[in-house]
Amino acid sequence: CVVSGDTWDTNAMAWFRQAPGKER
C-alpha cells in the first residue's frame, strides 16, 4: 500500500479484509 499526498497527517496504517457476506 503506497501512501501519497499529506503523508505527515498519518501515524498508523492497517490492513482490513472483507470476505463476501461478511463484515470488514
PDBML (XML) file of the C-alpha atoms, coordinates in Angstrom:
<?xml version="1.0" encoding="UTF-8" ?>
<PDBx:datablock datablockName="MODEL"
   xmlns:PDBx="http://pdbml.pdb.org/schema/pdbx-v50.xsd"
   xmlns:xsi="http://www.w3.org/2001/XMLSchema-instance"
   xsi:schemaLocation="http://pdbml.pdb.org/schema/pdbx-v50.xsd pdbx-v50.xsd">
   <PDBx:atom_siteCategory>
      <PDBx:atom_site id="1">
         <PDBx:B_iso_or_equiv>0.00</PDBx:B_iso_or_equiv>
         <PDBx:Cartn_x>0.000</PDBx:Cartn_x>
         <PDBx:Cartn_y>0.000</PDBx:Cartn_y>
         <PDBx:Cartn_z>0.000</PDBx:Cartn_z>
         <PDBx:auth_asym_id>A</PDBx:auth_asym_id>
         <PDBx:auth_atom_id>CA</PDBx:auth_atom_id>
         <PDBx:auth_comp_id>CYS</PDBx:auth_comp_id>
         <PDBx:auth_seq_id>1</PDBx:auth_seq_id>
         <PDBx:group_PDB>ATOM</PDBx:group_PDB>
         <PDBx:label_alt_id xsi:nil="true" />
         <PDBx:label_asym_id>A</PDBx:label_asym_id>
         <PDBx:label_atom_id>CA</PDBx:label_atom_id>
         <PDBx:label_comp_id>CYS</PDBx:label_comp_id>
         <PDBx:label_entity_id>1</PDBx:label_entity_id>
         <PDBx:label_seq_id>1</PDBx:label_seq_id>
         <PDBx:occupancy>1.00</PDBx:occupancy>
         <PDBx:pdbx_PDB_model_num>1</PDBx:pdbx_PDB_model_num>
         <PDBx:type_symbol>C</PDBx:type_symbol>
      </PDBx:atom_site>
      <PDBx:atom_site id="2">
         <PDBx:B_iso_or_equiv>0.00</PDBx:B_iso_or_equiv>
         <PDBx:Cartn_x>1.565</PDBx:Cartn_x>
         <PDBx:Cartn_y>3.241</PDBx:Cartn_y>
         <PDBx:Cartn_z>-1.174</PDBx:Cartn_z>
         <PDBx:auth_asym_id>A</PDBx:auth_asym_id>
         <PDBx:auth_atom_id>CA</PDBx:auth_atom_id>
         <PDBx:auth_comp_id>VAL</PDBx:auth_comp_id>
         <PDBx:auth_seq_id>2</PDBx:auth_seq_id>
         <PDBx:group_PDB>ATOM</PDBx:group_PDB>
         <PDBx:label_alt_id xsi:nil="true" />
         <PDBx:label_asym_id>A</PDBx:label_asym_id>
         <PDBx:label_atom_id>CA</PDBx:label_atom_id>
         <PDBx:label_comp_id>VAL</PDBx:label_comp_id>
         <PDBx:label_entity_id>1</PDBx:label_entity_id>
         <PDBx:label_seq_id>2</PDBx:label_seq_id>
         <PDBx:occupancy>1.00</PDBx:occupancy>
         <PDBx:pdbx_PDB_model_num>1</PDBx:pdbx_PDB_model_num>
         <PDBx:type_symbol>C</PDBx:type_symbol>
      </PDBx:atom_site>
      <PDBx:atom_site id="3">
         <PDBx:B_iso_or_equiv>0.00</PDBx:B_iso_or_equiv>
         <PDBx:Cartn_x>0.543</PDBx:Cartn_x>
         <PDBx:Cartn_y>6.438</PDBx:Cartn_y>
         <PDBx:Cartn_z>0.561</PDBx:Cartn_z>
         <PDBx:auth_asym_id>A</PDBx:auth_asym_id>
         <PDBx:auth_atom_id>CA</PDBx:auth_atom_id>
         <PDBx:auth_comp_id>VAL</PDBx:auth_comp_id>
         <PDBx:auth_seq_id>3</PDBx:auth_seq_id>
         <PDBx:group_PDB>ATOM</PDBx:group_PDB>
         <PDBx:label_alt_id xsi:nil="true" />
         <PDBx:label_asym_id>A</PDBx:label_asym_id>
         <PDBx:label_atom_id>CA</PDBx:label_atom_id>
         <PDBx:label_comp_id>VAL</PDBx:label_comp_id>
         <PDBx:label_entity_id>1</PDBx:label_entity_id>
         <PDBx:label_seq_id>3</PDBx:label_seq_id>
         <PDBx:occupancy>1.00</PDBx:occupancy>
         <PDBx:pdbx_PDB_model_num>1</PDBx:pdbx_PDB_model_num>
         <PDBx:type_symbol>C</PDBx:type_symbol>
      </PDBx:atom_site>
      <PDBx:atom_site id="4">
         <PDBx:B_iso_or_equiv>0.00</PDBx:B_iso_or_equiv>
         <PDBx:Cartn_x>0.702</PDBx:Cartn_x>
         <PDBx:Cartn_y>9.766</PDBx:Cartn_y>
         <PDBx:Cartn_z>-1.236</PDBx:Cartn_z>
         <PDBx:auth_asym_id>A</PDBx:auth_asym_id>
         <PDBx:auth_atom_id>CA</PDBx:auth_atom_id>
         <PDBx:auth_comp_id>SER</PDBx:auth_comp_id>
         <PDBx:auth_seq_id>4</PDBx:auth_seq_id>
         <PDBx:group_PDB>ATOM</PDBx:group_PDB>
         <PDBx:label_alt_id xsi:nil="true" />
         <PDBx:label_asym_id>A</PDBx:label_asym_id>
         <PDBx:label_atom_id>CA</PDBx:label_atom_id>
         <PDBx:label_comp_id>SER</PDBx:label_comp_id>
         <PDBx:label_entity_id>1</PDBx:label_entity_id>
         <PDBx:label_seq_id>4</PDBx:label_seq_id>
         <PDBx:occupancy>1.00</PDBx:occupancy>
         <PDBx:pdbx_PDB_model_num>1</PDBx:pdbx_PDB_model_num>
         <PDBx:type_symbol>C</PDBx:type_symbol>
      </PDBx:atom_site>
      <PDBx:atom_site id="5">
         <PDBx:B_iso_or_equiv>0.00</PDBx:B_iso_or_equiv>
         <PDBx:Cartn_x>-0.368</PDBx:Cartn_x>
         <PDBx:Cartn_y>13.298</PDBx:Cartn_y>
         <PDBx:Cartn_z>-0.509</PDBx:Cartn_z>
         <PDBx:auth_asym_id>A</PDBx:auth_asym_id>
         <PDBx:auth_atom_id>CA</PDBx:auth_atom_id>
         <PDBx:auth_comp_id>GLY</PDBx:auth_comp_id>
         <PDBx:auth_seq_id>5</PDBx:auth_seq_id>
         <PDBx:group_PDB>ATOM</PDBx:group_PDB>
         <PDBx:label_alt_id xsi:nil="true" />
         <PDBx:label_asym_id>A</PDBx:label_asym_id>
         <PDBx:label_atom_id>CA</PDBx:label_atom_id>
         <PDBx:label_comp_id>GLY</PDBx:label_comp_id>
         <PDBx:label_entity_id>1</PDBx:label_entity_id>
         <PDBx:label_seq_id>5</PDBx:label_seq_id>
         <PDBx:occupancy>1.00</PDBx:occupancy>
         <PDBx:pdbx_PDB_model_num>1</PDBx:pdbx_PDB_model_num>
         <PDBx:type_symbol>C</PDBx:type_symbol>
      </PDBx:atom_site>
      <PDBx:atom_site id="6">
         <PDBx:B_iso_or_equiv>0.00</PDBx:B_iso_or_equiv>
         <PDBx:Cartn_x>-0.211</PDBx:Cartn_x>
         <PDBx:Cartn_y>14.702</PDBx:Cartn_y>
         <PDBx:Cartn_z>3.019</PDBx:Cartn_z>
         <PDBx:auth_asym_id>A</PDBx:auth_asym_id>
         <PDBx:auth_atom_id>CA</PDBx:auth_atom_id>
         <PDBx:auth_comp_id>ASP</PDBx:auth_comp_id>
         <PDBx:auth_seq_id>6</PDBx:auth_seq_id>
         <PDBx:group_PDB>ATOM</PDBx:group_PDB>
         <PDBx:label_alt_id xsi:nil="true" />
         <PDBx:label_asym_id>A</PDBx:label_asym_id>
         <PDBx:label_atom_id>CA</PDBx:label_atom_id>
         <PDBx:label_comp_id>ASP</PDBx:label_comp_id>
         <PDBx:label_entity_id>1</PDBx:label_entity_id>
         <PDBx:label_seq_id>6</PDBx:label_seq_id>
         <PDBx:occupancy>1.00</PDBx:occupancy>
         <PDBx:pdbx_PDB_model_num>1</PDBx:pdbx_PDB_model_num>
         <PDBx:type_symbol>C</PDBx:type_symbol>
      </PDBx:atom_site>
      <PDBx:atom_site id="7">
         <PDBx:B_iso_or_equiv>0.00</PDBx:B_iso_or_equiv>
         <PDBx:Cartn_x>1.604</PDBx:Cartn_x>
         <PDBx:Cartn_y>11.718</PDBx:Cartn_y>
         <PDBx:Cartn_z>4.470</PDBx:Cartn_z>
         <PDBx:auth_asym_id>A</PDBx:auth_asym_id>
         <PDBx:auth_atom_id>CA</PDBx:auth_atom_id>
         <PDBx:auth_comp_id>THR</PDBx:auth_comp_id>
         <PDBx:auth_seq_id>7</PDBx:auth_seq_id>
         <PDBx:group_PDB>ATOM</PDBx:group_PDB>
         <PDBx:label_alt_id xsi:nil="true" />
         <PDBx:label_asym_id>A</PDBx:label_asym_id>
         <PDBx:label_atom_id>CA</PDBx:label_atom_id>
         <PDBx:label_comp_id>THR</PDBx:label_comp_id>
         <PDBx:label_entity_id>1</PDBx:label_entity_id>
         <PDBx:label_seq_id>7</PDBx:label_seq_id>
         <PDBx:occupancy>1.00</PDBx:occupancy>
         <PDBx:pdbx_PDB_model_num>1</PDBx:pdbx_PDB_model_num>
         <PDBx:type_symbol>C</PDBx:type_symbol>
      </PDBx:atom_site>
      <PDBx:atom_site id="8">
         <PDBx:B_iso_or_equiv>0.00</PDBx:B_iso_or_equiv>
         <PDBx:Cartn_x>2.618</PDBx:Cartn_x>
         <PDBx:Cartn_y>13.794</PDBx:Cartn_y>
         <PDBx:Cartn_z>7.507</PDBx:Cartn_z>
         <PDBx:auth_asym_id>A</PDBx:auth_asym_id>
         <PDBx:auth_atom_id>CA</PDBx:auth_atom_id>
         <PDBx:auth_comp_id>TRP</PDBx:auth_comp_id>
         <PDBx:auth_seq_id>8</PDBx:auth_seq_id>
         <PDBx:group_PDB>ATOM</PDBx:group_PDB>
         <PDBx:label_alt_id xsi:nil="true" />
         <PDBx:label_asym_id>A</PDBx:label_asym_id>
         <PDBx:label_atom_id>CA</PDBx:label_atom_id>
         <PDBx:label_comp_id>TRP</PDBx:label_comp_id>
         <PDBx:label_entity_id>1</PDBx:label_entity_id>
         <PDBx:label_seq_id>8</PDBx:label_seq_id>
         <PDBx:occupancy>1.00</PDBx:occupancy>
         <PDBx:pdbx_PDB_model_num>1</PDBx:pdbx_PDB_model_num>
         <PDBx:type_symbol>C</PDBx:type_symbol>
      </PDBx:atom_site>
      <PDBx:atom_site id="9">
         <PDBx:B_iso_or_equiv>0.00</PDBx:B_iso_or_equiv>
         <PDBx:Cartn_x>-1.007</PDBx:Cartn_x>
         <PDBx:Cartn_y>13.553</PDBx:Cartn_y>
         <PDBx:Cartn_z>8.582</PDBx:Cartn_z>
         <PDBx:auth_asym_id>A</PDBx:auth_asym_id>
         <PDBx:auth_atom_id>CA</PDBx:auth_atom_id>
         <PDBx:auth_comp_id>ASP</PDBx:auth_comp_id>
         <PDBx:auth_seq_id>9</PDBx:auth_seq_id>
         <PDBx:group_PDB>ATOM</PDBx:group_PDB>
         <PDBx:label_alt_id xsi:nil="true" />
         <PDBx:label_asym_id>A</PDBx:label_asym_id>
         <PDBx:label_atom_id>CA</PDBx:label_atom_id>
         <PDBx:label_comp_id>ASP</PDBx:label_comp_id>
         <PDBx:label_entity_id>1</PDBx:label_entity_id>
         <PDBx:label_seq_id>9</PDBx:label_seq_id>
         <PDBx:occupancy>1.00</PDBx:occupancy>
         <PDBx:pdbx_PDB_model_num>1</PDBx:pdbx_PDB_model_num>
         <PDBx:type_symbol>C</PDBx:type_symbol>
      </PDBx:atom_site>
      <PDBx:atom_site id="10">
         <PDBx:B_iso_or_equiv>0.00</PDBx:B_iso_or_equiv>
         <PDBx:Cartn_x>-0.785</PDBx:Cartn_x>
         <PDBx:Cartn_y>9.817</PDBx:Cartn_y>
         <PDBx:Cartn_z>9.174</PDBx:Cartn_z>
         <PDBx:auth_asym_id>A</PDBx:auth_asym_id>
         <PDBx:auth_atom_id>CA</PDBx:auth_atom_id>
         <PDBx:auth_comp_id>THR</PDBx:auth_comp_id>
         <PDBx:auth_seq_id>10</PDBx:auth_seq_id>
         <PDBx:group_PDB>ATOM</PDBx:group_PDB>
         <PDBx:label_alt_id xsi:nil="true" />
         <PDBx:label_asym_id>A</PDBx:label_asym_id>
         <PDBx:label_atom_id>CA</PDBx:label_atom_id>
         <PDBx:label_comp_id>THR</PDBx:label_comp_id>
         <PDBx:label_entity_id>1</PDBx:label_entity_id>
         <PDBx:label_seq_id>10</PDBx:label_seq_id>
         <PDBx:occupancy>1.00</PDBx:occupancy>
         <PDBx:pdbx_PDB_model_num>1</PDBx:pdbx_PDB_model_num>
         <PDBx:type_symbol>C</PDBx:type_symbol>
      </PDBx:atom_site>
      <PDBx:atom_site id="11">
         <PDBx:B_iso_or_equiv>0.00</PDBx:B_iso_or_equiv>
         <PDBx:Cartn_x>0.858</PDBx:Cartn_x>
         <PDBx:Cartn_y>7.932</PDBx:Cartn_y>
         <PDBx:Cartn_z>12.020</PDBx:Cartn_z>
         <PDBx:auth_asym_id>A</PDBx:auth_asym_id>
         <PDBx:auth_atom_id>CA</PDBx:auth_atom_id>
         <PDBx:auth_comp_id>ASN</PDBx:auth_comp_id>
         <PDBx:auth_seq_id>11</PDBx:auth_seq_id>
         <PDBx:group_PDB>ATOM</PDBx:group_PDB>
         <PDBx:label_alt_id xsi:nil="true" />
         <PDBx:label_asym_id>A</PDBx:label_asym_id>
         <PDBx:label_atom_id>CA</PDBx:label_atom_id>
         <PDBx:label_comp_id>ASN</PDBx:label_comp_id>
         <PDBx:label_entity_id>1</PDBx:label_entity_id>
         <PDBx:label_seq_id>11</PDBx:label_seq_id>
         <PDBx:occupancy>1.00</PDBx:occupancy>
         <PDBx:pdbx_PDB_model_num>1</PDBx:pdbx_PDB_model_num>
         <PDBx:type_symbol>C</PDBx:type_symbol>
      </PDBx:atom_site>
      <PDBx:atom_site id="12">
         <PDBx:B_iso_or_equiv>0.00</PDBx:B_iso_or_equiv>
         <PDBx:Cartn_x>-0.504</PDBx:Cartn_x>
         <PDBx:Cartn_y>4.433</PDBx:Cartn_y>
         <PDBx:Cartn_z>11.676</PDBx:Cartn_z>
         <PDBx:auth_asym_id>A</PDBx:auth_asym_id>
         <PDBx:auth_atom_id>CA</PDBx:auth_atom_id>
         <PDBx:auth_comp_id>ALA</PDBx:auth_comp_id>
         <PDBx:auth_seq_id>12</PDBx:auth_seq_id>
         <PDBx:group_PDB>ATOM</PDBx:group_PDB>
         <PDBx:label_alt_id xsi:nil="true" />
         <PDBx:label_asym_id>A</PDBx:label_asym_id>
         <PDBx:label_atom_id>CA</PDBx:label_atom_id>
         <PDBx:label_comp_id>ALA</PDBx:label_comp_id>
         <PDBx:label_entity_id>1</PDBx:label_entity_id>
         <PDBx:label_seq_id>12</PDBx:label_seq_id>
         <PDBx:occupancy>1.00</PDBx:occupancy>
         <PDBx:pdbx_PDB_model_num>1</PDBx:pdbx_PDB_model_num>
         <PDBx:type_symbol>C</PDBx:type_symbol>
      </PDBx:atom_site>
      <PDBx:atom_site id="13">
         <PDBx:B_iso_or_equiv>0.00</PDBx:B_iso_or_equiv>
         <PDBx:Cartn_x>-1.737</PDBx:Cartn_x>
         <PDBx:Cartn_y>2.121</PDBx:Cartn_y>
         <PDBx:Cartn_z>8.984</PDBx:Cartn_z>
         <PDBx:auth_asym_id>A</PDBx:auth_asym_id>
         <PDBx:auth_atom_id>CA</PDBx:auth_atom_id>
         <PDBx:auth_comp_id>MET</PDBx:auth_comp_id>
         <PDBx:auth_seq_id>13</PDBx:auth_seq_id>
         <PDBx:group_PDB>ATOM</PDBx:group_PDB>
         <PDBx:label_alt_id xsi:nil="true" />
         <PDBx:label_asym_id>A</PDBx:label_asym_id>
         <PDBx:label_atom_id>CA</PDBx:label_atom_id>
         <PDBx:label_comp_id>MET</PDBx:label_comp_id>
         <PDBx:label_entity_id>1</PDBx:label_entity_id>
         <PDBx:label_seq_id>13</PDBx:label_seq_id>
         <PDBx:occupancy>1.00</PDBx:occupancy>
         <PDBx:pdbx_PDB_model_num>1</PDBx:pdbx_PDB_model_num>
         <PDBx:type_symbol>C</PDBx:type_symbol>
      </PDBx:atom_site>
      <PDBx:atom_site id="14">
         <PDBx:B_iso_or_equiv>0.00</PDBx:B_iso_or_equiv>
         <PDBx:Cartn_x>-3.635</PDBx:Cartn_x>
         <PDBx:Cartn_y>-1.085</PDBx:Cartn_y>
         <PDBx:Cartn_z>8.935</PDBx:Cartn_z>
         <PDBx:auth_asym_id>A</PDBx:auth_asym_id>
         <PDBx:auth_atom_id>CA</PDBx:auth_atom_id>
         <PDBx:auth_comp_id>ALA</PDBx:auth_comp_id>
         <PDBx:auth_seq_id>14</PDBx:auth_seq_id>
         <PDBx:group_PDB>ATOM</PDBx:group_PDB>
         <PDBx:label_alt_id xsi:nil="true" />
         <PDBx:label_asym_id>A</PDBx:label_asym_id>
         <PDBx:label_atom_id>CA</PDBx:label_atom_id>
         <PDBx:label_comp_id>ALA</PDBx:label_comp_id>
         <PDBx:label_entity_id>1</PDBx:label_entity_id>
         <PDBx:label_seq_id>14</PDBx:label_seq_id>
         <PDBx:occupancy>1.00</PDBx:occupancy>
         <PDBx:pdbx_PDB_model_num>1</PDBx:pdbx_PDB_model_num>
         <PDBx:type_symbol>C</PDBx:type_symbol>
      </PDBx:atom_site>
      <PDBx:atom_site id="15">
         <PDBx:B_iso_or_equiv>0.00</PDBx:B_iso_or_equiv>
         <PDBx:Cartn_x>-4.961</PDBx:Cartn_x>
         <PDBx:Cartn_y>-3.801</PDBx:Cartn_y>
         <PDBx:Cartn_z>6.712</PDBx:Cartn_z>
         <PDBx:auth_asym_id>A</PDBx:auth_asym_id>
         <PDBx:auth_atom_id>CA</PDBx:auth_atom_id>
         <PDBx:auth_comp_id>TRP</PDBx:auth_comp_id>
         <PDBx:auth_seq_id>15</PDBx:auth_seq_id>
         <PDBx:group_PDB>ATOM</PDBx:group_PDB>
         <PDBx:label_alt_id xsi:nil="true" />
         <PDBx:label_asym_id>A</PDBx:label_asym_id>
         <PDBx:label_atom_id>CA</PDBx:label_atom_id>
         <PDBx:label_comp_id>TRP</PDBx:label_comp_id>
         <PDBx:label_entity_id>1</PDBx:label_entity_id>
         <PDBx:label_seq_id>15</PDBx:label_seq_id>
         <PDBx:occupancy>1.00</PDBx:occupancy>
         <PDBx:pdbx_PDB_model_num>1</PDBx:pdbx_PDB_model_num>
         <PDBx:type_symbol>C</PDBx:type_symbol>
      </PDBx:atom_site>
      <PDBx:atom_site id="16">
         <PDBx:B_iso_or_equiv>0.00</PDBx:B_iso_or_equiv>
         <PDBx:Cartn_x>-8.563</PDBx:Cartn_x>
         <PDBx:Cartn_y>-4.882</PDBx:Cartn_y>
         <PDBx:Cartn_z>6.887</PDBx:Cartn_z>
         <PDBx:auth_asym_id>A</PDBx:auth_asym_id>
         <PDBx:auth_atom_id>CA</PDBx:auth_atom_id>
         <PDBx:auth_comp_id>PHE</PDBx:auth_comp_id>
         <PDBx:auth_seq_id>16</PDBx:auth_seq_id>
         <PDBx:group_PDB>ATOM</PDBx:group_PDB>
         <PDBx:label_alt_id xsi:nil="true" />
         <PDBx:label_asym_id>A</PDBx:label_asym_id>
         <PDBx:label_atom_id>CA</PDBx:label_atom_id>
         <PDBx:label_comp_id>PHE</PDBx:label_comp_id>
         <PDBx:label_entity_id>1</PDBx:label_entity_id>
         <PDBx:label_seq_id>16</PDBx:label_seq_id>
         <PDBx:occupancy>1.00</PDBx:occupancy>
         <PDBx:pdbx_PDB_model_num>1</PDBx:pdbx_PDB_model_num>
         <PDBx:type_symbol>C</PDBx:type_symbol>
      </PDBx:atom_site>
      <PDBx:atom_site id="17">
         <PDBx:B_iso_or_equiv>0.00</PDBx:B_iso_or_equiv>
         <PDBx:Cartn_x>-10.238</PDBx:Cartn_x>
         <PDBx:Cartn_y>-7.580</PDBx:Cartn_y>
         <PDBx:Cartn_z>4.848</PDBx:Cartn_z>
         <PDBx:auth_asym_id>A</PDBx:auth_asym_id>
         <PDBx:auth_atom_id>CA</PDBx:auth_atom_id>
         <PDBx:auth_comp_id>ARG</PDBx:auth_comp_id>
         <PDBx:auth_seq_id>17</PDBx:auth_seq_id>
         <PDBx:group_PDB>ATOM</PDBx:group_PDB>
         <PDBx:label_alt_id xsi:nil="true" />
         <PDBx:label_asym_id>A</PDBx:label_asym_id>
         <PDBx:label_atom_id>CA</PDBx:label_atom_id>
         <PDBx:label_comp_id>ARG</PDBx:label_comp_id>
         <PDBx:label_entity_id>1</PDBx:label_entity_id>
         <PDBx:label_seq_id>17</PDBx:label_seq_id>
         <PDBx:occupancy>1.00</PDBx:occupancy>
         <PDBx:pdbx_PDB_model_num>1</PDBx:pdbx_PDB_model_num>
         <PDBx:type_symbol>C</PDBx:type_symbol>
      </PDBx:atom_site>
      <PDBx:atom_site id="18">
         <PDBx:B_iso_or_equiv>0.00</PDBx:B_iso_or_equiv>
         <PDBx:Cartn_x>-13.761</PDBx:Cartn_x>
         <PDBx:Cartn_y>-8.302</PDBx:Cartn_y>
         <PDBx:Cartn_z>3.791</PDBx:Cartn_z>
         <PDBx:auth_asym_id>A</PDBx:auth_asym_id>
         <PDBx:auth_atom_id>CA</PDBx:auth_atom_id>
         <PDBx:auth_comp_id>GLN</PDBx:auth_comp_id>
         <PDBx:auth_seq_id>18</PDBx:auth_seq_id>
         <PDBx:group_PDB>ATOM</PDBx:group_PDB>
         <PDBx:label_alt_id xsi:nil="true" />
         <PDBx:label_asym_id>A</PDBx:label_asym_id>
         <PDBx:label_atom_id>CA</PDBx:label_atom_id>
         <PDBx:label_comp_id>GLN</PDBx:label_comp_id>
         <PDBx:label_entity_id>1</PDBx:label_entity_id>
         <PDBx:label_seq_id>18</PDBx:label_seq_id>
         <PDBx:occupancy>1.00</PDBx:occupancy>
         <PDBx:pdbx_PDB_model_num>1</PDBx:pdbx_PDB_model_num>
         <PDBx:type_symbol>C</PDBx:type_symbol>
      </PDBx:atom_site>
      <PDBx:atom_site id="19">
         <PDBx:B_iso_or_equiv>0.00</PDBx:B_iso_or_equiv>
         <PDBx:Cartn_x>-14.979</PDBx:Cartn_x>
         <PDBx:Cartn_y>-11.643</PDBx:Cartn_y>
         <PDBx:Cartn_z>2.528</PDBx:Cartn_z>
         <PDBx:auth_asym_id>A</PDBx:auth_asym_id>
         <PDBx:auth_atom_id>CA</PDBx:auth_atom_id>
         <PDBx:auth_comp_id>ALA</PDBx:auth_comp_id>
         <PDBx:auth_seq_id>19</PDBx:auth_seq_id>
         <PDBx:group_PDB>ATOM</PDBx:group_PDB>
         <PDBx:label_alt_id xsi:nil="true" />
         <PDBx:label_asym_id>A</PDBx:label_asym_id>
         <PDBx:label_atom_id>CA</PDBx:label_atom_id>
         <PDBx:label_comp_id>ALA</PDBx:label_comp_id>
         <PDBx:label_entity_id>1</PDBx:label_entity_id>
         <PDBx:label_seq_id>19</PDBx:label_seq_id>
         <PDBx:occupancy>1.00</PDBx:occupancy>
         <PDBx:pdbx_PDB_model_num>1</PDBx:pdbx_PDB_model_num>
         <PDBx:type_symbol>C</PDBx:type_symbol>
      </PDBx:atom_site>
      <PDBx:atom_site id="20">
         <PDBx:B_iso_or_equiv>0.00</PDBx:B_iso_or_equiv>
         <PDBx:Cartn_x>-18.281</PDBx:Cartn_x>
         <PDBx:Cartn_y>-11.983</PDBx:Cartn_y>
         <PDBx:Cartn_z>0.656</PDBx:Cartn_z>
         <PDBx:auth_asym_id>A</PDBx:auth_asym_id>
         <PDBx:auth_atom_id>CA</PDBx:auth_atom_id>
         <PDBx:auth_comp_id>PRO</PDBx:auth_comp_id>
         <PDBx:auth_seq_id>20</PDBx:auth_seq_id>
         <PDBx:group_PDB>ATOM</PDBx:group_PDB>
         <PDBx:label_alt_id xsi:nil="true" />
         <PDBx:label_asym_id>A</PDBx:label_asym_id>
         <PDBx:label_atom_id>CA</PDBx:label_atom_id>
         <PDBx:label_comp_id>PRO</PDBx:label_comp_id>
         <PDBx:label_entity_id>1</PDBx:label_entity_id>
         <PDBx:label_seq_id>20</PDBx:label_seq_id>
         <PDBx:occupancy>1.00</PDBx:occupancy>
         <PDBx:pdbx_PDB_model_num>1</PDBx:pdbx_PDB_model_num>
         <PDBx:type_symbol>C</PDBx:type_symbol>
      </PDBx:atom_site>
      <PDBx:atom_site id="21">
         <PDBx:B_iso_or_equiv>0.00</PDBx:B_iso_or_equiv>
         <PDBx:Cartn_x>-21.208</PDBx:Cartn_x>
         <PDBx:Cartn_y>-11.718</PDBx:Cartn_y>
         <PDBx:Cartn_z>3.027</PDBx:Cartn_z>
         <PDBx:auth_asym_id>A</PDBx:auth_asym_id>
         <PDBx:auth_atom_id>CA</PDBx:auth_atom_id>
         <PDBx:auth_comp_id>GLY</PDBx:auth_comp_id>
         <PDBx:auth_seq_id>21</PDBx:auth_seq_id>
         <PDBx:group_PDB>ATOM</PDBx:group_PDB>
         <PDBx:label_alt_id xsi:nil="true" />
         <PDBx:label_asym_id>A</PDBx:label_asym_id>
         <PDBx:label_atom_id>CA</PDBx:label_atom_id>
         <PDBx:label_comp_id>GLY</PDBx:label_comp_id>
         <PDBx:label_entity_id>1</PDBx:label_entity_id>
         <PDBx:label_seq_id>21</PDBx:label_seq_id>
         <PDBx:occupancy>1.00</PDBx:occupancy>
         <PDBx:pdbx_PDB_model_num>1</PDBx:pdbx_PDB_model_num>
         <PDBx:type_symbol>C</PDBx:type_symbol>
      </PDBx:atom_site>
      <PDBx:atom_site id="22">
         <PDBx:B_iso_or_equiv>0.00</PDBx:B_iso_or_equiv>
         <PDBx:Cartn_x>-19.023</PDBx:Cartn_x>
         <PDBx:Cartn_y>-10.823</PDBx:Cartn_y>
         <PDBx:Cartn_z>5.997</PDBx:Cartn_z>
         <PDBx:auth_asym_id>A</PDBx:auth_asym_id>
         <PDBx:auth_atom_id>CA</PDBx:auth_atom_id>
         <PDBx:auth_comp_id>LYS</PDBx:auth_comp_id>
         <PDBx:auth_seq_id>22</PDBx:auth_seq_id>
         <PDBx:group_PDB>ATOM</PDBx:group_PDB>
         <PDBx:label_alt_id xsi:nil="true" />
         <PDBx:label_asym_id>A</PDBx:label_asym_id>
         <PDBx:label_atom_id>CA</PDBx:label_atom_id>
         <PDBx:label_comp_id>LYS</PDBx:label_comp_id>
         <PDBx:label_entity_id>1</PDBx:label_entity_id>
         <PDBx:label_seq_id>22</PDBx:label_seq_id>
         <PDBx:occupancy>1.00</PDBx:occupancy>
         <PDBx:pdbx_PDB_model_num>1</PDBx:pdbx_PDB_model_num>
         <PDBx:type_symbol>C</PDBx:type_symbol>
      </PDBx:atom_site>
      <PDBx:atom_site id="23">
         <PDBx:B_iso_or_equiv>0.00</PDBx:B_iso_or_equiv>
         <PDBx:Cartn_x>-18.152</PDBx:Cartn_x>
         <PDBx:Cartn_y>-7.649</PDBx:Cartn_y>
         <PDBx:Cartn_z>7.826</PDBx:Cartn_z>
         <PDBx:auth_asym_id>A</PDBx:auth_asym_id>
         <PDBx:auth_atom_id>CA</PDBx:auth_atom_id>
         <PDBx:auth_comp_id>GLU</PDBx:auth_comp_id>
         <PDBx:auth_seq_id>23</PDBx:auth_seq_id>
         <PDBx:group_PDB>ATOM</PDBx:group_PDB>
         <PDBx:label_alt_id xsi:nil="true" />
         <PDBx:label_asym_id>A</PDBx:label_asym_id>
         <PDBx:label_atom_id>CA</PDBx:label_atom_id>
         <PDBx:label_comp_id>GLU</PDBx:label_comp_id>
         <PDBx:label_entity_id>1</PDBx:label_entity_id>
         <PDBx:label_seq_id>23</PDBx:label_seq_id>
         <PDBx:occupancy>1.00</PDBx:occupancy>
         <PDBx:pdbx_PDB_model_num>1</PDBx:pdbx_PDB_model_num>
         <PDBx:type_symbol>C</PDBx:type_symbol>
      </PDBx:atom_site>
      <PDBx:atom_site id="24">
         <PDBx:B_iso_or_equiv>0.00</PDBx:B_iso_or_equiv>
         <PDBx:Cartn_x>-14.878</PDBx:Cartn_x>
         <PDBx:Cartn_y>-5.878</PDBx:Cartn_y>
         <PDBx:Cartn_z>7.327</PDBx:Cartn_z>
         <PDBx:auth_asym_id>A</PDBx:auth_asym_id>
         <PDBx:auth_atom_id>CA</PDBx:auth_atom_id>
         <PDBx:auth_comp_id>ARG</PDBx:auth_comp_id>
         <PDBx:auth_seq_id>24</PDBx:auth_seq_id>
         <PDBx:group_PDB>ATOM</PDBx:group_PDB>
         <PDBx:label_alt_id xsi:nil="true" />
         <PDBx:label_asym_id>A</PDBx:label_asym_id>
         <PDBx:label_atom_id>CA</PDBx:label_atom_id>
         <PDBx:label_comp_id>ARG</PDBx:label_comp_id>
         <PDBx:label_entity_id>1</PDBx:label_entity_id>
         <PDBx:label_seq_id>24</PDBx:label_seq_id>
         <PDBx:occupancy>1.00</PDBx:occupancy>
         <PDBx:pdbx_PDB_model_num>1</PDBx:pdbx_PDB_model_num>
         <PDBx:type_symbol>C</PDBx:type_symbol>
      </PDBx:atom_site>
   </PDBx:atom_siteCategory>
</PDBx:datablock>
